Amino acid sequence: MKKPDAAYVREIFERLKLSIPHPAMELDFDSPFELLVATVLSAQSTDKTVNTITPALFRKFPDPASMAGASLSELEGLIRSAGFFHRKSLQLMGLSREIVEQFHGNVPDAIDELVKLPGVGRKTASVVLAYGFHIPAIAVDTHVIRVSNRLGLTTS
């Protein structure tokens, strides 16, 4: 595959800026912890569904310490509609426990630390860095990879 030239890449960016002039985060959150939890819940779900779950979830468990101490059944009941609720409940309890024990209750702001948390991969970590901490990061998912391949920007 021939490497795309700078003019082609600029054209793509200009078209994106015209079609999406003000890209916005669709998940509702008030803190890096809420964003982390919402992003974990969004796997195999929709942001719309997650936004219906999180108000009650964060009223009951507003911080890592309270979520780490949650009962599995109570957490599962609150997030059931997000799908994969058993696995996600275990991940949320585990990542909350790690945040309390390893980071004094504060969500880490480094990708290397975030990806060590249960249920957190590079995409979730990048979302938290970019939107929770305003640290430049690009969240790459299957859609970004597919479009990048179609546009000839990459082969992997």
C-alpha atoms as a PDB file:
ATOM      1  CA  MET A   1       0.000   0.000   0.000  1.00  0.00           C
ATOM      2  CA  LYS A   2       1.266   3.443  -0.926  1.00  0.00           C
ATOM      3  CA  LYS A   3       1.614   5.862   1.983  1.00  0.00           C
ATOM      4  CA  PRO A   4      -1.086   8.584   1.812  1.00  0.00           C
ATOM      5  CA  ASP A   5       0.283  12.035   1.083  1.00  0.00           C
ATOM      6  CA  ALA A   6      -0.143  15.021   3.408  1.00  0.00           C
ATOM      7  CA  ALA A   7      -2.733  16.710   1.160  1.00  0.00           C
ATOM      8  CA  TYR A   8      -4.977  13.628   1.279  1.00  0.00           C
ATOM      9  CA  VAL A   9      -4.764  13.429   5.078  1.00  0.00           C
ATOM     10  CA  ARG A  10      -5.490  17.182   5.390  1.00  0.00           C
ATOM     11  CA  GLU A  11      -8.541  16.759   3.158  1.00  0.00           C
ATOM     12  CA  ILE A  12      -9.868  14.005   5.435  1.00  0.00           C
ATOM     13  CA  PHE A  13      -9.413  16.204   8.505  1.00  0.00           C
ATOM     14  CA  GLU A  14     -11.101  19.177   6.818  1.00  0.00           C
ATOM     15  CA  ARG A  15     -14.098  17.057   5.828  1.00  0.00           C
ATOM     16  CA  LEU A  16     -14.358  15.688   9.364  1.00  0.00           C
ATOM     17  CA  LYS A  17     -14.239  19.206  10.817  1.00  0.00           C
ATOM     18  CA  LEU A  18     -17.045  20.286   8.474  1.00  0.00           C
ATOM     19  CA  SER A  19     -19.266  17.290   9.174  1.00  0.00           C
ATOM     20  CA  ILE A  20     -18.574  17.175  12.943  1.00  0.00           C
ATOM     21  CA  PRO A  21     -17.563  20.721  13.941  1.00  0.00           C
ATOM     22  CA  HIS A  22     -18.024  20.178  17.681  1.00  0.00           C
ATOM     23  CA  PRO A  23     -17.443  16.539  18.576  1.00  0.00           C
ATOM     24  CA  ALA A  24     -18.815  15.757  22.010  1.00  0.00           C
ATOM     25  CA  MET A  25     -18.616  13.004  24.568  1.00  0.00           C
ATOM     26  CA  GLU A  26     -21.979  11.242  24.672  1.00  0.00           C
ATOM     27  CA  LEU A  27     -21.541   9.725  28.135  1.00  0.00           C
ATOM     28  CA  ASP A  28     -22.769  11.786  31.081  1.00  0.00           C
ATOM     29  CA  PHE A  29     -20.192  12.152  33.878  1.00  0.00           C
ATOM     30  CA  ASP A  30     -18.980  14.594  36.525  1.00  0.00           C
ATOM     31  CA  SER A  31     -15.581  13.128  37.414  1.00  0.00           C
ATOM     32  CA  PRO A  32     -12.847  10.887  36.011  1.00  0.00           C
ATOM     33  CA  PHE A  33     -14.193   8.055  38.185  1.00  0.00           C
ATOM     34  CA  GLU A  34     -17.706   8.411  36.756  1.00  0.00           C
ATOM     35  CA  LEU A  35     -16.290   8.492  33.228  1.00  0.00           C
ATOM     36  CA  LEU A  36     -14.198   5.390  33.894  1.00  0.00           C
ATOM     37  CA  VAL A  37     -17.218   3.488  35.206  1.00  0.00           C
ATOM     38  CA  ALA A  38     -19.466   4.688  32.362  1.00  0.00           C
ATOM     39  CA  THR A  39     -16.881   3.714  29.751  1.00  0.00           C
ATOM     40  CA  VAL A  40     -16.506   0.220  31.217  1.00  0.00           C
ATOM     41  CA  LEU A  41     -20.306  -0.113  31.175  1.00  0.00           C
ATOM     42  CA  SER A  42     -20.465   1.044  27.545  1.00  0.00           C
ATOM     43  CA  ALA A  43     -18.667  -2.067  26.251  1.00  0.00           C
ATOM     44  CA  GLN A  44     -21.171  -4.059  24.178  1.00  0.00           C
ATOM     45  CA  SER A  45     -23.841  -1.486  25.089  1.00  0.00           C
ATOM     46  CA  THR A  46     -24.832   2.014  24.002  1.00  0.00           C
ATOM     47  CA  ASP A  47     -24.040   5.352  25.581  1.00  0.00           C
ATOM     48  CA  LYS A  48     -27.793   6.024  25.734  1.00  0.00           C
ATOM     49  CA  THR A  49     -28.352   2.892  27.819  1.00  0.00           C
ATOM     50  CA  VAL A  50     -25.396   3.690  30.071  1.00  0.00           C
ATOM     51  CA  ASN A  51     -26.729   7.215  30.650  1.00  0.00           C
ATOM     52  CA  THR A  52     -29.991   5.728  31.951  1.00  0.00           C
ATOM     53  CA  ILE A  53     -28.086   3.519  34.416  1.00  0.00           C
ATOM     54  CA  THR A  54     -25.460   5.857  35.851  1.00  0.00           C
ATOM     55  CA  PRO A  55     -27.604   8.388  37.768  1.00  0.00           C
ATOM     56  CA  ALA A  56     -28.912   5.727  40.186  1.00  0.00           C
ATOM     57  CA  LEU A  57     -25.561   3.942  40.201  1.00  0.00           C
ATOM     58  CA  PHE A  58     -23.638   7.070  41.210  1.00  0.00           C
ATOM     59  CA  ARG A  59     -26.245   8.079  43.790  1.00  0.00           C
ATOM     60  CA  LYS A  60     -25.675   4.736  45.484  1.00  0.00           C
ATOM     61  CA  PHE A  61     -21.912   4.467  44.808  1.00  0.00           C
ATOM     62  CA  PRO A  62     -20.481   7.962  44.235  1.00  0.00           C
ATOM     63  CA  ASP A  63     -16.795   7.087  44.642  1.00  0.00           C
ATOM     64  CA  PRO A  64     -14.327   4.210  44.384  1.00  0.00           C
ATOM     65  CA  ALA A  65     -14.500   3.374  48.103  1.00  0.00           C
ATOM     66  CA  SER A  66     -18.274   2.916  48.104  1.00  0.00           C
ATOM     67  CA  MET A  67     -18.242   0.927  44.853  1.00  0.00           C
ATOM     68  CA  ALA A  68     -15.409  -1.289  46.107  1.00  0.00           C
ATOM     69  CA  GLY A  69     -17.584  -2.171  49.089  1.00  0.00           C
ATOM     70  CA  ALA A  70     -20.727  -2.851  47.065  1.00  0.00           C
ATOM     71  CA  SER A  71     -22.405  -6.221  47.172  1.00  0.00           C
ATOM     72  CA  LEU A  72     -22.187  -8.075  43.894  1.00  0.00           C
ATOM     73  CA  SER A  73     -25.943  -8.614  43.709  1.00  0.00           C
ATOM     74  CA  GLU A  74     -26.750  -4.956  44.347  1.00  0.00           C
ATOM     75  CA  LEU A  75     -24.301  -3.772  41.690  1.00  0.00           C
ATOM     76  CA  GLU A  76     -25.591  -6.354  39.214  1.00  0.00           C
ATOM     77  CA  GLY A  77     -29.135  -5.157  39.798  1.00  0.00           C
ATOM     78  CA  LEU A  78     -28.200  -1.557  39.062  1.00  0.00           C
ATOM     79  CA  ILE A  79     -26.292  -2.270  35.835  1.00  0.00           C
ATOM     80  CA  ARG A  80     -28.249  -5.258  34.477  1.00  0.00           C
ATOM     81  CA  SER A  81     -29.553  -3.399  31.403  1.00  0.00           C
ATOM     82  CA  ALA A  82     -25.997  -2.658  30.199  1.00  0.00           C
ATOM     83  CA  GLY A  83     -25.517  -6.347  29.401  1.00  0.00           C
ATOM     84  CA  PHE A  84     -22.775  -8.652  30.671  1.00  0.00           C
ATOM     85  CA  PHE A  85     -23.728  -7.352  34.117  1.00  0.00           C
ATOM     86  CA  HIS A  86     -21.978 -10.090  36.115  1.00  0.00           C
ATOM     87  CA  ARG A  87     -18.603  -9.560  34.428  1.00  0.00           C
ATOM     88  CA  LYS A  88     -18.953  -5.772  34.484  1.00  0.00           C
ATOM     89  CA  SER A  89     -19.922  -5.793  38.177  1.00  0.00           C
ATOM     90  CA  LEU A  90     -16.791  -7.766  39.029  1.00  0.00           C
ATOM     91  CA  GLN A  91     -14.693  -5.391  36.922  1.00  0.00           C
ATOM     92  CA  LEU A  92     -16.185  -2.289  38.565  1.00  0.00           C
ATOM     93  CA  MET A  93     -15.669  -3.673  42.051  1.00  0.00           C
ATOM     94  CA  GLY A  94     -12.114  -4.721  41.171  1.00  0.00           C
ATOM     95  CA  LEU A  95     -11.088  -1.446  39.556  1.00  0.00           C
ATOM     96  CA  SER A  96     -12.639   0.500  42.434  1.00  0.00           C
ATOM     97  CA  ARG A  97     -10.712  -1.602  44.949  1.00  0.00           C
ATOM     98  CA  GLU A  98      -7.457  -1.039  43.032  1.00  0.00           C
ATOM     99  CA  ILE A  99      -8.062   2.719  42.857  1.00  0.00           C
ATOM    100  CA  VAL A 100      -8.599   2.830  46.624  1.00  0.00           C
ATOM    101  CA  GLU A 101      -5.657   0.573  47.499  1.00  0.00           C
ATOM    102  CA  GLN A 102      -3.089   1.657  44.916  1.00  0.00           C
ATOM    103  CA  PHE A 103      -4.026   5.271  44.177  1.00  0.00           C
ATOM    104  CA  HIS A 104      -5.552   6.556  47.442  1.00  0.00           C
ATOM    105  CA  GLY A 105      -9.013   6.766  45.873  1.00  0.00           C
ATOM    106  CA  ASN A 106      -7.943   8.824  42.852  1.00  0.00           C
ATOM    107  CA  VAL A 107      -8.266   7.582  39.282  1.00  0.00           C
ATOM    108  CA  PRO A 108      -4.741   7.464  37.833  1.00  0.00           C
ATOM    109  CA  ASP A 109      -3.981   9.849  34.980  1.00  0.00           C
ATOM    110  CA  ALA A 110      -1.401   7.680  33.206  1.00  0.00           C
ATOM    111  CA  ILE A 111      -2.268   5.123  30.543  1.00  0.00           C
ATOM    112  CA  ASP A 112       0.179   2.561  31.946  1.00  0.00           C
ATOM    113  CA  GLU A 113      -1.614   2.662  35.306  1.00  0.00           C
ATOM    114  CA  LEU A 114      -5.145   2.760  33.888  1.00  0.00           C
ATOM    115  CA  VAL A 115      -4.701  -0.360  31.748  1.00  0.00           C
ATOM    116  CA  LYS A 116      -3.688  -2.342  34.844  1.00  0.00           C
ATOM    117  CA  LEU A 117      -7.181  -1.855  36.290  1.00  0.00           C
ATOM    118  CA  PRO A 118      -9.688  -4.712  35.803  1.00  0.00           C
ATOM    119  CA  GLY A 119     -11.802  -4.215  32.683  1.00  0.00           C
ATOM    120  CA  VAL A 120      -9.724  -1.293  31.383  1.00  0.00           C
ATOM    121  CA  GLY A 121      -8.046  -1.568  27.988  1.00  0.00           C
ATOM    122  CA  ARG A 122      -6.279   1.053  25.891  1.00  0.00           C
ATOM    123  CA  LYS A 123      -9.518   2.430  24.444  1.00  0.00           C
ATOM    124  CA  THR A 124     -11.129   2.970  27.857  1.00  0.00           C
ATOM    125  CA  ALA A 125      -7.882   4.384  29.248  1.00  0.00           C
ATOM    126  CA  SER A 126      -7.606   6.798  26.312  1.00  0.00           C
ATOM    127  CA  VAL A 127     -11.202   7.978  26.771  1.00  0.00           C
ATOM    128  CA  VAL A 128     -10.555   8.676  30.463  1.00  0.00           C
ATOM    129  CA  LEU A 129      -7.322  10.523  29.720  1.00  0.00           C
ATOM    130  CA  ALA A 130      -8.813  12.630  26.915  1.00  0.00           C
ATOM    131  CA  TYR A 131     -12.171  13.521  28.456  1.00  0.00           C
ATOM    132  CA  GLY A 132     -11.605  13.034  32.178  1.00  0.00           C
ATOM    133  CA  PHE A 133      -8.168  14.620  32.465  1.00  0.00           C
ATOM    134  CA  HIS A 134      -7.892  16.632  29.210  1.00  0.00           C
ATOM    135  CA  ILE A 135      -4.673  14.805  28.347  1.00  0.00           C
ATOM    136  CA  PRO A 136      -4.227  14.255  24.598  1.00  0.00           C
ATOM    137  CA  ALA A 137      -5.127  10.665  23.736  1.00  0.00           C
ATOM    138  CA  ILE A 138      -6.873   8.929  20.864  1.00  0.00           C
ATOM    139  CA  ALA A 139      -9.346   6.161  21.622  1.00  0.00           C
ATOM    140  CA  VAL A 140      -9.057   3.602  18.840  1.00  0.00           C
ATOM    141  CA  ASP A 141     -11.825   1.060  18.454  1.00  0.00           C
ATOM    142  CA  THR A 142     -12.896  -1.292  15.684  1.00  0.00           C
ATOM    143  CA  HIS A 143     -14.724   1.521  13.869  1.00  0.00           C
ATOM    144  CA  VAL A 144     -11.624   3.746  13.760  1.00  0.00           C
ATOM    145  CA  ILE A 145      -9.562   0.820  12.476  1.00  0.00           C
ATOM    146  CA  ARG A 146     -12.143  -0.075   9.804  1.00  0.00           C
ATOM    147  CA  VAL A 147     -12.493   3.502   8.522  1.00  0.00           C
ATOM    148  CA  SER A 148      -8.721   4.080   8.604  1.00  0.00           C
ATOM    149  CA  ASN A 149      -8.231   0.961   6.493  1.00  0.00           C
ATOM    150  CA  ARG A 150     -10.943   2.001   4.014  1.00  0.00           C
ATOM    151  CA  LEU A 151      -9.397   5.441   3.625  1.00  0.00           C
ATOM    152  CA  GLY A 152      -6.004   3.887   2.993  1.00  0.00           C
ATOM    153  CA  LEU A 153      -4.454   5.483   6.075  1.00  0.00           C
ATOM    154  CA  THR A 154      -3.238   2.192   7.509  1.00  0.00           C
ATOM    155  CA  THR A 155      -3.171  -1.526   6.848  1.00  0.00           C
ATOM    156  CA  SER A 156      -3.252  -2.691  10.453  1.00  0.00           C
END
